[in-house]
């Protein structure tokens, strides 16, 4: 399996799994923001994960911005990170970067063989 396929599969998994849980919460409680916040910060362990993911999201967005010249459509993984999470934004960024590298490699090979 090609790397691009692995990254695309991880992007889909990183989108579906978190939203499966989020959808269950919404179906049970509605869009209750105060309950969401209450549950997210209910214990030290849940706060640990909230802080870890939030910091990881900031780091990923900074990294993507620093490498925006190397990756077309760099705004898509930032948008995915901010709306879905790092579990979707990171594999989407890796997919786009790998796809662009493959395209550049193919163009380089085509130019070199002429």
N, C-alpha and C. Protein backbone atom coordinates (compact mmCIF):
# COMPACT_ATOMS: atom_id res chain seq x y z
N UNK A 1 0.85 -1.18 0.00
CA UNK A 1 0.00 0.00 0.00
C UNK A 1 0.89 1.24 0.00
N UNK A 2 0.56 2.18 -0.86
CA UNK A 2 1.34 3.42 -0.96
C UNK A 2 1.13 4.28 0.29
N UNK A 3 2.15 5.09 0.57
CA UNK A 3 2.07 6.00 1.72
C UNK A 3 0.87 6.93 1.63
N UNK A 4 0.59 7.43 0.43
CA UNK A 4 -0.54 8.34 0.29
C UNK A 4 -1.84 7.65 0.69
N UNK A 5 -1.97 6.38 0.34
CA UNK A 5 -3.18 5.65 0.71
C UNK A 5 -3.28 5.46 2.23
N UNK A 6 -2.13 5.19 2.87
CA UNK A 6 -2.11 5.04 4.33
C UNK A 6 -2.53 6.34 4.99
N UNK A 7 -1.96 7.47 4.54
CA UNK A 7 -2.31 8.76 5.13
C UNK A 7 -3.77 9.11 4.90
N UNK A 8 -4.29 8.80 3.73
CA UNK A 8 -5.69 9.08 3.44
C UNK A 8 -6.60 8.22 4.32
N UNK A 9 -6.24 6.96 4.50
CA UNK A 9 -7.00 6.08 5.38
C UNK A 9 -6.96 6.59 6.83
N UNK A 10 -5.79 7.04 7.28
CA UNK A 10 -5.67 7.58 8.64
C UNK A 10 -6.46 8.87 8.80
N UNK A 11 -6.51 9.69 7.75
CA UNK A 11 -7.33 10.89 7.78
C UNK A 11 -8.80 10.53 7.96
N UNK A 12 -9.27 9.56 7.19
CA UNK A 12 -10.67 9.14 7.30
C UNK A 12 -10.96 8.57 8.69
N UNK A 13 -10.06 7.73 9.18
CA UNK A 13 -10.21 7.17 10.52
C UNK A 13 -10.19 8.27 11.58
N UNK A 14 -9.27 9.23 11.42
CA UNK A 14 -9.15 10.34 12.36
C UNK A 14 -10.31 11.30 12.31
N UNK A 15 -11.13 11.20 11.30
CA UNK A 15 -12.35 12.00 11.20
C UNK A 15 -13.54 11.24 11.76
N UNK A 16 -13.70 10.00 11.33
CA UNK A 16 -14.88 9.21 11.69
C UNK A 16 -14.91 8.86 13.18
N UNK A 17 -13.80 8.39 13.73
CA UNK A 17 -13.80 7.91 15.12
C UNK A 17 -14.14 9.03 16.11
N UNK A 18 -13.47 10.19 16.06
CA UNK A 18 -13.85 11.25 17.00
C UNK A 18 -15.29 11.74 16.81
N UNK A 19 -15.71 11.89 15.55
CA UNK A 19 -17.07 12.37 15.30
C UNK A 19 -18.13 11.35 15.66
N UNK A 20 -17.77 10.08 15.70
CA UNK A 20 -18.71 9.05 16.16
C UNK A 20 -19.07 9.33 17.63
N UNK A 21 -18.05 9.61 18.43
CA UNK A 21 -18.29 9.93 19.85
C UNK A 21 -19.01 11.26 20.01
N UNK A 22 -18.59 12.25 19.23
CA UNK A 22 -19.22 13.57 19.30
C UNK A 22 -20.69 13.48 18.90
N UNK A 23 -20.97 12.72 17.85
CA UNK A 23 -22.35 12.52 17.41
C UNK A 23 -23.20 11.86 18.47
N UNK A 24 -22.63 10.88 19.16
CA UNK A 24 -23.35 10.22 20.26
C UNK A 24 -23.69 11.19 21.38
N UNK A 25 -22.74 12.06 21.69
CA UNK A 25 -22.98 13.08 22.72
C UNK A 25 -24.11 14.01 22.28
N UNK A 26 -24.05 14.48 21.04
CA UNK A 26 -25.07 15.40 20.52
C UNK A 26 -26.44 14.75 20.51
N UNK A 27 -26.51 13.48 20.11
CA UNK A 27 -27.80 12.78 20.10
C UNK A 27 -28.37 12.63 21.51
N UNK A 28 -27.50 12.42 22.48
CA UNK A 28 -27.94 12.23 23.86
C UNK A 28 -28.27 13.54 24.56
N UNK A 29 -27.40 14.55 24.39
CA UNK A 29 -27.51 15.78 25.18
C UNK A 29 -27.84 17.02 24.37
N UNK A 30 -27.87 16.91 23.05
CA UNK A 30 -28.03 18.10 22.23
C UNK A 30 -26.71 18.88 22.20
N UNK A 31 -26.74 20.04 21.59
CA UNK A 31 -25.52 20.86 21.51
C UNK A 31 -25.39 21.68 22.80
N UNK A 32 -25.07 20.99 23.88
CA UNK A 32 -24.98 21.59 25.20
C UNK A 32 -23.51 21.92 25.49
N UNK A 33 -23.11 23.14 25.17
CA UNK A 33 -21.72 23.55 25.29
C UNK A 33 -21.24 23.52 26.73
N UNK A 34 -22.08 23.93 27.66
CA UNK A 34 -21.65 23.93 29.07
C UNK A 34 -21.41 22.50 29.56
N UNK A 35 -22.24 21.55 29.15
CA UNK A 35 -22.01 20.15 29.54
C UNK A 35 -20.76 19.60 28.87
N UNK A 36 -20.53 19.98 27.61
CA UNK A 36 -19.29 19.56 26.93
C UNK A 36 -18.07 20.01 27.72
N UNK A 37 -18.05 21.29 28.08
CA UNK A 37 -16.91 21.83 28.82
C UNK A 37 -16.80 21.16 30.19
N UNK A 38 -17.93 20.96 30.84
CA UNK A 38 -17.92 20.31 32.15
C UNK A 38 -17.32 18.91 32.06
N UNK A 39 -17.71 18.14 31.05
CA UNK A 39 -17.18 16.79 30.91
C UNK A 39 -15.73 16.79 30.46
N UNK A 40 -15.35 17.74 29.61
CA UNK A 40 -13.96 17.80 29.15
C UNK A 40 -12.99 18.10 30.30
N UNK A 41 -13.44 18.88 31.27
CA UNK A 41 -12.56 19.29 32.37
C UNK A 41 -12.96 18.64 33.69
N UNK A 42 -13.65 17.50 33.63
CA UNK A 42 -14.19 16.85 34.83
C UNK A 42 -13.12 16.22 35.72
N UNK A 43 -12.03 15.80 35.16
CA UNK A 43 -11.00 15.12 35.97
C UNK A 43 -9.61 15.52 35.50
N UNK A 44 -8.63 15.17 36.28
CA UNK A 44 -7.25 15.47 35.89
C UNK A 44 -6.88 14.75 34.58
N UNK A 45 -7.35 13.54 34.42
CA UNK A 45 -7.03 12.78 33.20
C UNK A 45 -7.70 13.40 31.97
N UNK A 46 -8.94 13.80 32.11
CA UNK A 46 -9.61 14.41 30.95
C UNK A 46 -8.95 15.76 30.61
N UNK A 47 -8.57 16.54 31.64
CA UNK A 47 -7.86 17.80 31.39
C UNK A 47 -6.51 17.54 30.73
N UNK A 48 -5.83 16.48 31.16
CA UNK A 48 -4.56 16.10 30.54
C UNK A 48 -4.73 15.93 29.04
N UNK A 49 -5.75 15.19 28.63
CA UNK A 49 -5.98 14.96 27.20
C UNK A 49 -6.42 16.23 26.47
N UNK A 50 -7.23 17.04 27.10
CA UNK A 50 -7.65 18.31 26.48
C UNK A 50 -6.43 19.19 26.23
N UNK A 51 -5.58 19.35 27.23
CA UNK A 51 -4.40 20.20 27.08
C UNK A 51 -3.43 19.61 26.06
N UNK A 52 -3.24 18.30 26.11
CA UNK A 52 -2.32 17.64 25.19
C UNK A 52 -2.77 17.85 23.74
N UNK A 53 -4.04 17.64 23.48
CA UNK A 53 -4.56 17.78 22.11
C UNK A 53 -4.54 19.25 21.68
N UNK A 54 -4.89 20.15 22.58
CA UNK A 54 -4.90 21.58 22.23
C UNK A 54 -3.49 22.07 21.88
N UNK A 55 -2.51 21.68 22.69
CA UNK A 55 -1.13 22.09 22.42
C UNK A 55 -0.64 21.44 21.12
N UNK A 56 -0.97 20.17 20.92
CA UNK A 56 -0.59 19.48 19.68
C UNK A 56 -1.19 20.16 18.46
N UNK A 57 -2.42 20.64 18.57
CA UNK A 57 -3.08 21.33 17.46
C UNK A 57 -2.35 22.63 17.13
N UNK A 58 -1.95 23.37 18.15
CA UNK A 58 -1.21 24.62 17.92
C UNK A 58 0.13 24.31 17.25
N UNK A 59 0.84 23.32 17.77
CA UNK A 59 2.14 22.94 17.20
C UNK A 59 1.98 22.52 15.74
N UNK A 60 0.98 21.72 15.45
CA UNK A 60 0.75 21.28 14.07
C UNK A 60 0.45 22.45 13.16
N UNK A 61 -0.39 23.37 13.59
CA UNK A 61 -0.72 24.54 12.76
C UNK A 61 0.51 25.40 12.51
N UNK A 62 1.34 25.59 13.52
CA UNK A 62 2.59 26.36 13.35
C UNK A 62 3.50 25.64 12.36
N UNK A 63 3.63 24.33 12.51
CA UNK A 63 4.48 23.54 11.60
C UNK A 63 3.98 23.64 10.16
N UNK A 64 2.69 23.50 9.98
CA UNK A 64 2.12 23.59 8.63
C UNK A 64 2.38 24.98 8.03
N UNK A 65 2.21 26.02 8.83
CA UNK A 65 2.46 27.38 8.33
C UNK A 65 3.93 27.56 7.94
N UNK A 66 4.83 26.94 8.69
CA UNK A 66 6.26 27.05 8.36
C UNK A 66 6.60 26.30 7.08
N UNK A 67 5.78 25.33 6.71
CA UNK A 67 6.05 24.51 5.52
C UNK A 67 5.01 24.74 4.42
N UNK A 68 4.35 25.87 4.45
CA UNK A 68 3.28 26.10 3.47
C UNK A 68 3.80 26.20 2.05
N UNK A 69 5.03 26.60 1.87
CA UNK A 69 5.60 26.65 0.52
C UNK A 69 5.79 25.25 -0.06
N UNK A 70 5.98 24.28 0.82
CA UNK A 70 6.23 22.91 0.38
C UNK A 70 4.95 22.12 0.12
N UNK A 71 3.82 22.66 0.52
CA UNK A 71 2.57 21.89 0.44
C UNK A 71 1.46 22.76 -0.12
N UNK A 72 0.94 22.34 -1.26
CA UNK A 72 -0.23 23.01 -1.82
C UNK A 72 -1.43 22.73 -0.94
N UNK A 73 -2.36 23.61 -0.93
CA UNK A 73 -3.60 23.45 -0.15
C UNK A 73 -3.31 23.30 1.35
N UNK A 74 -2.28 23.99 1.84
CA UNK A 74 -1.89 23.88 3.24
C UNK A 74 -3.00 24.31 4.20
N UNK A 75 -3.93 25.13 3.72
CA UNK A 75 -5.01 25.59 4.60
C UNK A 75 -5.98 24.46 4.95
N UNK A 76 -6.10 23.45 4.11
CA UNK A 76 -7.03 22.35 4.38
C UNK A 76 -6.69 21.59 5.66
N UNK A 77 -5.42 21.20 5.88
CA UNK A 77 -5.13 20.51 7.14
C UNK A 77 -5.27 21.42 8.37
N UNK A 78 -5.05 22.71 8.20
CA UNK A 78 -5.28 23.63 9.32
C UNK A 78 -6.77 23.66 9.64
N UNK A 79 -7.59 23.78 8.62
CA UNK A 79 -9.04 23.77 8.81
C UNK A 79 -9.49 22.45 9.43
N UNK A 80 -8.95 21.34 8.96
CA UNK A 80 -9.31 20.03 9.53
C UNK A 80 -8.88 19.94 10.99
N UNK A 81 -7.72 20.47 11.32
CA UNK A 81 -7.24 20.45 12.70
C UNK A 81 -8.15 21.26 13.61
N UNK A 82 -8.58 22.42 13.14
CA UNK A 82 -9.41 23.30 13.97
C UNK A 82 -10.86 22.84 14.07
N UNK A 83 -11.34 22.11 13.08
CA UNK A 83 -12.75 21.67 13.10
C UNK A 83 -12.93 20.22 13.52
N UNK A 84 -11.95 19.38 13.24
CA UNK A 84 -12.05 17.96 13.60
C UNK A 84 -11.07 17.63 14.71
N UNK A 85 -9.80 17.91 14.45
CA UNK A 85 -8.77 17.65 15.45
C UNK A 85 -7.46 17.24 14.79
N UNK A 86 -6.46 17.06 15.62
CA UNK A 86 -5.14 16.65 15.16
C UNK A 86 -5.23 15.29 14.46
N UNK A 87 -6.14 14.45 14.90
CA UNK A 87 -6.29 13.11 14.32
C UNK A 87 -6.66 13.16 12.85
N UNK A 88 -7.22 14.25 12.39
CA UNK A 88 -7.54 14.42 10.97
C UNK A 88 -6.55 15.36 10.29
N UNK A 89 -6.16 16.43 10.97
CA UNK A 89 -5.29 17.44 10.37
C UNK A 89 -3.91 16.92 10.03
N UNK A 90 -3.31 16.15 10.93
CA UNK A 90 -1.95 15.65 10.68
C UNK A 90 -1.91 14.67 9.51
N UNK A 91 -2.75 13.63 9.48
CA UNK A 91 -2.68 12.74 8.32
C UNK A 91 -3.06 13.42 7.01
N UNK A 92 -3.95 14.41 7.06
CA UNK A 92 -4.29 15.14 5.84
C UNK A 92 -3.09 15.93 5.34
N UNK A 93 -2.37 16.58 6.25
CA UNK A 93 -1.16 17.31 5.87
C UNK A 93 -0.13 16.35 5.27
N UNK A 94 0.08 15.20 5.92
CA UNK A 94 1.05 14.23 5.41
C UNK A 94 0.63 13.69 4.04
N UNK A 95 -0.65 13.47 3.86
CA UNK A 95 -1.17 13.01 2.57
C UNK A 95 -0.90 14.04 1.48
N UNK A 96 -1.23 15.29 1.74
CA UNK A 96 -1.04 16.34 0.74
C UNK A 96 0.44 16.53 0.42
N UNK A 97 1.28 16.49 1.45
CA UNK A 97 2.71 16.66 1.24
C UNK A 97 3.28 15.50 0.41
N UNK A 98 2.90 14.28 0.76
CA UNK A 98 3.40 13.10 0.04
C UNK A 98 2.90 13.09 -1.40
N UNK A 99 1.66 13.46 -1.60
CA UNK A 99 1.10 13.50 -2.95
C UNK A 99 1.83 14.53 -3.81
N UNK A 100 2.15 15.68 -3.21
CA UNK A 100 2.88 16.70 -3.96
C UNK A 100 4.29 16.21 -4.28
N UNK A 101 4.94 15.53 -3.33
CA UNK A 101 6.29 15.00 -3.59
C UNK A 101 6.27 13.98 -4.72
N UNK A 102 5.26 13.11 -4.71
CA UNK A 102 5.14 12.12 -5.78
C UNK A 102 4.96 12.80 -7.14
N UNK A 103 4.14 13.83 -7.18
CA UNK A 103 3.90 14.57 -8.43
C UNK A 103 5.18 15.24 -8.90
N UNK A 104 5.91 15.87 -7.98
CA UNK A 104 7.16 16.54 -8.34
C UNK A 104 8.19 15.52 -8.83
N UNK A 105 8.24 14.36 -8.19
CA UNK A 105 9.17 13.31 -8.59
C UNK A 105 8.85 12.81 -10.00
N UNK A 106 7.56 12.63 -10.27
CA UNK A 106 7.14 12.18 -11.60
C UNK A 106 7.50 13.21 -12.67
N UNK A 107 7.33 14.50 -12.35
CA UNK A 107 7.68 15.56 -13.30
C UNK A 107 9.19 15.59 -13.53
N UNK A 108 9.96 15.40 -12.45
CA UNK A 108 11.42 15.40 -12.56
C UNK A 108 11.88 14.24 -13.42
N UNK A 109 11.29 13.06 -13.21
CA UNK A 109 11.64 11.88 -14.02
C UNK A 109 11.28 12.10 -15.48
N UNK A 110 10.11 12.68 -15.70
CA UNK A 110 9.66 12.93 -17.08
C UNK A 110 10.57 13.93 -17.78
N UNK A 111 11.00 14.97 -17.05
CA UNK A 111 11.89 15.97 -17.64
C UNK A 111 13.28 15.39 -17.90
N UNK A 112 13.73 14.51 -17.02
CA UNK A 112 15.07 13.92 -17.15
C UNK A 112 15.16 12.90 -18.24
N UNK A 113 14.06 12.26 -18.58
CA UNK A 113 14.11 11.21 -19.60
C UNK A 113 13.88 11.74 -21.01
N UNK A 114 13.62 13.04 -21.14
CA UNK A 114 13.35 13.62 -22.48
C UNK A 114 14.61 13.77 -23.27
